[in-house]
PDB file of N, CA and C in Angstrom:
ATOM      1  N   UNK A   1     -39.217 110.616 -25.802  1.00  0.00           N
ATOM      2  CA  UNK A   1     -39.808 109.725 -26.797  1.00  0.00           C
ATOM      3  C   UNK A   1     -41.193 110.256 -27.156  1.00  0.00           C
ATOM      4  N   UNK A   2     -41.502 110.338 -28.454  1.00  0.00           N
ATOM      5  CA  UNK A   2     -42.829 110.822 -28.863  1.00  0.00           C
ATOM      6  C   UNK A   2     -43.919 109.872 -28.397  1.00  0.00           C
ATOM      7  N   UNK A   3     -45.074 110.436 -28.125  1.00  0.00           N
ATOM      8  CA  UNK A   3     -46.221 109.629 -27.701  1.00  0.00           C
ATOM      9  C   UNK A   3     -47.356 109.831 -28.691  1.00  0.00           C
ATOM     10  N   UNK A   4     -48.118 108.775 -28.900  1.00  0.00           N
ATOM     11  CA  UNK A   4     -49.271 108.823 -29.798  1.00  0.00           C
ATOM     12  C   UNK A   4     -50.495 108.457 -28.971  1.00  0.00           C
ATOM     13  N   UNK A   5     -51.508 109.278 -29.076  1.00  0.00           N
ATOM     14  CA  UNK A   5     -52.759 108.993 -28.391  1.00  0.00           C
ATOM     15  C   UNK A   5     -53.846 108.828 -29.440  1.00  0.00           C
ATOM     16  N   UNK A   6     -54.554 107.717 -29.363  1.00  0.00           N
ATOM     17  CA  UNK A   6     -55.606 107.438 -30.330  1.00  0.00           C
ATOM     18  C   UNK A   6     -56.855 107.053 -29.571  1.00  0.00           C
ATOM     19  N   UNK A   7     -57.941 107.700 -29.911  1.00  0.00           N
ATOM     20  CA  UNK A   7     -59.227 107.327 -29.320  1.00  0.00           C
ATOM     21  C   UNK A   7     -59.993 106.527 -30.360  1.00  0.00           C
ATOM     22  N   UNK A   8     -60.061 105.223 -30.132  1.00  0.00           N
ATOM     23  CA  UNK A   8     -60.707 104.346 -31.102  1.00  0.00           C
ATOM     24  C   UNK A   8     -61.174 103.081 -30.414  1.00  0.00           C
ATOM     25  N   UNK A   9     -62.275 102.558 -30.896  1.00  0.00           N
ATOM     26  CA  UNK A   9     -62.751 101.264 -30.400  1.00  0.00           C
ATOM     27  C   UNK A   9     -62.102 100.115 -31.163  1.00  0.00           C
ATOM     28  N   UNK A  10     -61.398 100.438 -32.228  1.00  0.00           N
ATOM     29  CA  UNK A  10     -60.736  99.447 -33.065  1.00  0.00           C
ATOM     30  C   UNK A  10     -59.252  99.381 -32.728  1.00  0.00           C
ATOM     31  N   UNK A  11     -58.632  98.205 -32.905  1.00  0.00           N
ATOM     32  CA  UNK A  11     -57.182  98.108 -32.699  1.00  0.00           C
ATOM     33  C   UNK A  11     -56.434  99.002 -33.688  1.00  0.00           C
ATOM     34  N   UNK A  12     -55.306  99.515 -33.283  1.00  0.00           N
ATOM     35  CA  UNK A  12     -54.490 100.393 -34.109  1.00  0.00           C
ATOM     36  C   UNK A  12     -53.082  99.811 -34.185  1.00  0.00           C
ATOM     37  N   UNK A  13     -52.486  99.872 -35.381  1.00  0.00           N
ATOM     38  CA  UNK A  13     -51.130  99.396 -35.575  1.00  0.00           C
ATOM     39  C   UNK A  13     -50.291 100.585 -36.020  1.00  0.00           C
ATOM     40  N   UNK A  14     -49.131 100.744 -35.410  1.00  0.00           N
ATOM     41  CA  UNK A  14     -48.216 101.809 -35.794  1.00  0.00           C
ATOM     42  C   UNK A  14     -46.925 101.154 -36.267  1.00  0.00           C
ATOM     43  N   UNK A  15     -46.546 101.475 -37.519  1.00  0.00           N
ATOM     44  CA  UNK A  15     -45.307 100.935 -38.076  1.00  0.00           C
ATOM     45  C   UNK A  15     -44.542 102.070 -38.755  1.00  0.00           C
ATOM     46  N   UNK A  16     -43.248 101.924 -38.901  1.00  0.00           N
ATOM     47  CA  UNK A  16     -42.470 102.942 -39.608  1.00  0.00           C
ATOM     48  C   UNK A  16     -42.965 103.110 -41.051  1.00  0.00           C
ATOM     49  N   UNK A  17     -42.866 104.324 -41.560  1.00  0.00           N
ATOM     50  CA  UNK A  17     -43.394 104.616 -42.899  1.00  0.00           C
ATOM     51  C   UNK A  17     -42.720 103.780 -43.980  1.00  0.00           C
ATOM     52  N   UNK A  18     -41.426 103.458 -43.831  1.00  0.00           N
ATOM     53  CA  UNK A  18     -40.771 102.642 -44.864  1.00  0.00           C
ATOM     54  C   UNK A  18     -41.339 101.228 -44.892  1.00  0.00           C
ATOM     55  N   UNK A  19     -41.701 100.690 -43.734  1.00  0.00           N
ATOM     56  CA  UNK A  19     -42.339  99.366 -43.705  1.00  0.00           C
ATOM     57  C   UNK A  19     -43.728  99.429 -44.330  1.00  0.00           C
ATOM     58  N   UNK A  20     -44.457 100.498 -44.055  1.00  0.00           N
ATOM     59  CA  UNK A  20     -45.780 100.685 -44.643  1.00  0.00           C
ATOM     60  C   UNK A  20     -45.675 100.756 -46.166  1.00  0.00           C
ATOM     61  N   UNK A  21     -44.716 101.530 -46.659  1.00  0.00           N
ATOM     62  CA  UNK A  21     -44.517 101.650 -48.103  1.00  0.00           C
ATOM     63  C   UNK A  21     -44.180 100.295 -48.723  1.00  0.00           C
ATOM     64  N   UNK A  22     -43.338  99.512 -48.045  1.00  0.00           N
ATOM     65  CA  UNK A  22     -42.974  98.183 -48.544  1.00  0.00           C
ATOM     66  C   UNK A  22     -44.191  97.263 -48.590  1.00  0.00           C
ATOM     67  N   UNK A  23     -45.040  97.324 -47.575  1.00  0.00           N
ATOM     68  CA  UNK A  23     -46.258  96.510 -47.560  1.00  0.00           C
ATOM     69  C   UNK A  23     -47.187  96.893 -48.707  1.00  0.00           C
ATOM     70  N   UNK A  24     -47.338  98.183 -48.948  1.00  0.00           N
ATOM     71  CA  UNK A  24     -48.204  98.638 -50.045  1.00  0.00           C
ATOM     72  C   UNK A  24     -47.648  98.175 -51.389  1.00  0.00           C
ATOM     73  N   UNK A  25     -46.336  98.245 -51.563  1.00  0.00           N
ATOM     74  CA  UNK A  25     -45.727  97.798 -52.816  1.00  0.00           C
ATOM     75  C   UNK A  25     -45.925  96.298 -53.007  1.00  0.00           C
ATOM     76  N   UNK A  26     -45.762  95.535 -51.930  1.00  0.00           N
ATOM     77  CA  UNK A  26     -45.974  94.090 -51.997  1.00  0.00           C
ATOM     78  C   UNK A  26     -47.409  93.773 -52.392  1.00  0.00           C
ATOM     79  N   UNK A  27     -48.357  94.462 -51.800  1.00  0.00           N
ATOM     80  CA  UNK A  27     -49.769  94.259 -52.135  1.00  0.00           C
ATOM     81  C   UNK A  27     -50.014  94.587 -53.605  1.00  0.00           C
ATOM     82  N   UNK A  28     -49.401  95.666 -54.094  1.00  0.00           N
ATOM     83  CA  UNK A  28     -49.569  96.049 -55.495  1.00  0.00           C
ATOM     84  C   UNK A  28     -49.032  94.967 -56.426  1.00  0.00           C
ATOM     85  N   UNK A  29     -47.875  94.423 -56.098  1.00  0.00           N
ATOM     86  CA  UNK A  29     -47.282  93.368 -56.924  1.00  0.00           C
ATOM     87  C   UNK A  29     -48.144  92.110 -56.885  1.00  0.00           C
ATOM     88  N   UNK A  30     -48.540  91.696 -55.693  1.00  0.00           N
ATOM     89  CA  UNK A  30     -49.340  90.482 -55.560  1.00  0.00           C
ATOM     90  C   UNK A  30     -50.703  90.616 -56.215  1.00  0.00           C
ATOM     91  N   UNK A  31     -51.206  91.833 -56.362  1.00  0.00           N
ATOM     92  CA  UNK A  31     -52.518  92.070 -56.971  1.00  0.00           C
ATOM     93  C   UNK A  31     -52.459  92.111 -58.493  1.00  0.00           C
ATOM     94  N   UNK A  32     -51.271  92.166 -59.052  1.00  0.00           N
ATOM     95  CA  UNK A  32     -51.106  92.268 -60.506  1.00  0.00           C
ATOM     96  C   UNK A  32     -50.963  90.854 -61.079  1.00  0.00           C
ATOM     97  N   UNK A  33     -52.030  90.336 -61.661  1.00  0.00           N
ATOM     98  CA  UNK A  33     -52.040  88.949 -62.148  1.00  0.00           C
ATOM     99  C   UNK A  33     -50.973  88.696 -63.212  1.00  0.00           C
ATOM    100  N   UNK A  34     -50.808  89.642 -64.131  1.00  0.00           N
ATOM    101  CA  UNK A  34     -49.824  89.438 -65.196  1.00  0.00           C
ATOM    102  C   UNK A  34     -48.406  89.406 -64.631  1.00  0.00           C
ATOM    103  N   UNK A  35     -48.113  90.330 -63.737  1.00  0.00           N
ATOM    104  CA  UNK A  35     -46.784  90.367 -63.136  1.00  0.00           C
ATOM    105  C   UNK A  35     -46.521  89.097 -62.336  1.00  0.00           C
ATOM    106  N   UNK A  36     -47.496  88.638 -61.562  1.00  0.00           N
ATOM    107  CA  UNK A  36     -47.315  87.413 -60.783  1.00  0.00           C
ATOM    108  C   UNK A  36     -47.125  86.203 -61.701  1.00  0.00           C
ATOM    109  N   UNK A  37     -47.817  86.185 -62.831  1.00  0.00           N
ATOM    110  CA  UNK A  37     -47.631  85.103 -63.797  1.00  0.00           C
ATOM    111  C   UNK A  37     -46.201  85.124 -64.338  1.00  0.00           C
ATOM    112  N   UNK A  38     -45.710  86.317 -64.664  1.00  0.00           N
ATOM    113  CA  UNK A  38     -44.333  86.446 -65.154  1.00  0.00           C
ATOM    114  C   UNK A  38     -43.326  85.999 -64.098  1.00  0.00           C
ATOM    115  N   UNK A  39     -43.573  86.367 -62.846  1.00  0.00           N
ATOM    116  CA  UNK A  39     -42.666  85.985 -61.755  1.00  0.00           C
ATOM    117  C   UNK A  39     -42.656  84.468 -61.590  1.00  0.00           C
ATOM    118  N   UNK A  40     -43.845  83.852 -61.587  1.00  0.00           N
ATOM    119  CA  UNK A  40     -43.926  82.392 -61.444  1.00  0.00           C
ATOM    120  C   UNK A  40     -43.204  81.681 -62.588  1.00  0.00           C
ATOM    121  N   UNK A  41     -43.377  82.194 -63.817  1.00  0.00           N
ATOM    122  CA  UNK A  41     -42.705  81.594 -64.975  1.00  0.00           C
ATOM    123  C   UNK A  41     -41.193  81.731 -64.849  1.00  0.00           C
ATOM    124  N   UNK A  42     -40.729  82.896 -64.399  1.00  0.00           N
ATOM    125  CA  UNK A  42     -39.285  83.105 -64.238  1.00  0.00           C
ATOM    126  C   UNK A  42     -38.710  82.182 -63.169  1.00  0.00           C
ATOM    127  N   UNK A  43     -39.439  81.986 -62.085  1.00  0.00           N
ATOM    128  CA  UNK A  43     -38.981  81.081 -61.024  1.00  0.00           C
ATOM    129  C   UNK A  43     -38.888  79.657 -61.572  1.00  0.00           C
ATOM    130  N   UNK A  44     -39.911  79.243 -62.322  1.00  0.00           N
ATOM    131  CA  UNK A  44     -39.916  77.892 -62.899  1.00  0.00           C
ATOM    132  C   UNK A  44     -38.734  77.715 -63.857  1.00  0.00           C
ATOM    133  N   UNK A  45     -38.500  78.706 -64.726  1.00  0.00           N
ATOM    134  CA  UNK A  45     -37.391  78.619 -65.668  1.00  0.00           C
ATOM    135  C   UNK A  45     -36.052  78.561 -64.930  1.00  0.00           C
ATOM    136  N   UNK A  46     -35.934  79.310 -63.860  1.00  0.00           N
ATOM    137  CA  UNK A  46     -34.700  79.285 -63.066  1.00  0.00           C
ATOM    138  C   UNK A  46     -34.499  77.896 -62.451  1.00  0.00           C
ATOM    139  N   UNK A  47     -35.569  77.329 -61.889  1.00  0.00           N
ATOM    140  CA  UNK A  47     -35.481  75.997 -61.279  1.00  0.00           C
ATOM    141  C   UNK A  47     -35.133  74.929 -62.314  1.00  0.00           C
ATOM    142  N   UNK A  48     -35.522  75.156 -63.567  1.00  0.00           N
ATOM    143  CA  UNK A  48     -35.229  74.206 -64.639  1.00  0.00           C
ATOM    144  C   UNK A  48     -33.862  74.461 -65.274  1.00  0.00           C
ATOM    145  N   UNK A  49     -33.131  75.419 -64.736  1.00  0.00           N
ATOM    146  CA  UNK A  49     -31.803  75.720 -65.253  1.00  0.00           C
ATOM    147  C   UNK A  49     -31.808  76.512 -66.553  1.00  0.00           C
ATOM    148  N   UNK A  50     -32.898  77.192 -66.829  1.00  0.00           N
ATOM    149  CA  UNK A  50     -33.022  77.942 -68.078  1.00  0.00           C
ATOM    150  C   UNK A  50     -32.693  79.430 -67.897  1.00  0.00           C
ATOM    151  N   UNK A  51     -32.001  79.773 -66.827  1.00  0.00           N
ATOM    152  CA  UNK A  51     -31.683  81.179 -66.586  1.00  0.00           C
ATOM    153  C   UNK A  51     -30.171  81.372 -66.530  1.00  0.00           C
ATOM    154  N   UNK A  52     -29.747  82.602 -66.664  1.00  0.00           N
ATOM    155  CA  UNK A  52     -28.331  82.952 -66.608  1.00  0.00           C
ATOM    156  C   UNK A  52     -28.092  83.849 -65.403  1.00  0.00           C
ATOM    157  N   UNK A  53     -26.929  83.699 -64.760  1.00  0.00           N
ATOM    158  CA  UNK A  53     -26.595  84.685 -63.741  1.00  0.00           C
ATOM    159  C   UNK A  53     -26.069  85.925 -64.462  1.00  0.00           C
ATOM    160  N   UNK A  54     -25.827  86.989 -63.729  1.00  0.00           N
ATOM    161  CA  UNK A  54     -25.452  88.259 -64.350  1.00  0.00           C
ATOM    162  C   UNK A  54     -24.196  88.134 -65.198  1.00  0.00           C
ATOM    163  N   UNK A  55     -23.172  87.470 -64.672  1.00  0.00           N
ATOM    164  CA  UNK A  55     -21.921  87.348 -65.421  1.00  0.00           C
ATOM    165  C   UNK A  55     -22.118  86.586 -66.731  1.00  0.00           C
ATOM    166  N   UNK A  56     -22.888  85.503 -66.681  1.00  0.00           N
ATOM    167  CA  UNK A  56     -23.163  84.743 -67.902  1.00  0.00           C
ATOM    168  C   UNK A  56     -23.935  85.594 -68.918  1.00  0.00           C
ATOM    169  N   UNK A  57     -24.918  86.314 -68.426  1.00  0.00           N
ATOM    170  CA  UNK A  57     -25.709  87.187 -69.291  1.00  0.00           C
ATOM    171  C   UNK A  57     -24.818  88.246 -69.939  1.00  0.00           C
ATOM    172  N   UNK A  58     -23.974  88.872 -69.131  1.00  0.00           N
ATOM    173  CA  UNK A  58     -23.124  89.950 -69.631  1.00  0.00           C
ATOM    174  C   UNK A  58     -22.151  89.425 -70.698  1.00  0.00           C
ATOM    175  N   UNK A  59     -21.537  88.270 -70.434  1.00  0.00           N
ATOM    176  CA  UNK A  59     -20.623  87.679 -71.434  1.00  0.00           C
ATOM    177  C   UNK A  59     -21.370  87.387 -72.740  1.00  0.00           C
ATOM    178  N   UNK A  60     -22.556  86.833 -72.629  1.00  0.00           N
ATOM    179  CA  UNK A  60     -23.364  86.525 -73.815  1.00  0.00           C
ATOM    180  C   UNK A  60     -23.692  87.803 -74.585  1.00  0.00           C
ATOM    181  N   UNK A  61     -24.082  88.834 -73.881  1.00  0.00           N
ATOM    182  CA  UNK A  61     -24.424  90.102 -74.532  1.00  0.00           C
ATOM    183  C   UNK A  61     -23.212  90.722 -75.214  1.00  0.00           C
ATOM    184  N   UNK A  62     -22.069  90.659 -74.575  1.00  0.00           N
ATOM    185  CA  UNK A  62     -20.860  91.255 -75.125  1.00  0.00           C
ATOM    186  C   UNK A  62     -20.390  90.496 -76.367  1.00  0.00           C
ATOM    187  N   UNK A  63     -20.579  89.171 -76.387  1.00  0.00           N
ATOM    188  CA  UNK A  63     -20.178  88.372 -77.536  1.00  0.00           C
ATOM    189  C   UNK A  63     -21.096  88.586 -78.728  1.00  0.00           C
ATOM    190  N   UNK A  64     -22.346  88.930 -78.481  1.00  0.00           N
ATOM    191  CA  UNK A  64     -23.316  89.124 -79.571  1.00  0.00           C
ATOM    192  C   UNK A  64     -23.272  90.553 -80.097  1.00  0.00           C
ATOM    193  N   UNK A  65     -22.644  91.460 -79.374  1.00  0.00           N
ATOM    194  CA  UNK A  65     -22.626  92.876 -79.801  1.00  0.00           C
ATOM    195  C   UNK A  65     -21.664  93.108 -80.926  1.00  0.00           C
TER     196      UNK A  65
END
């Protein structure tokens, strides 16, 4: 098993790189005010029944084409 040695007076956290990448992406999304506003609006519209599932969307698109 690999070993990591760190000389530091501060606590150190070691996580897999894919988890680190996911955390950075989450921070980027949460930091984007416009994107978060869009997400909140979409959630509200979904809760109000104003959204379509994929099959409904696809049928609607195919009928309008």
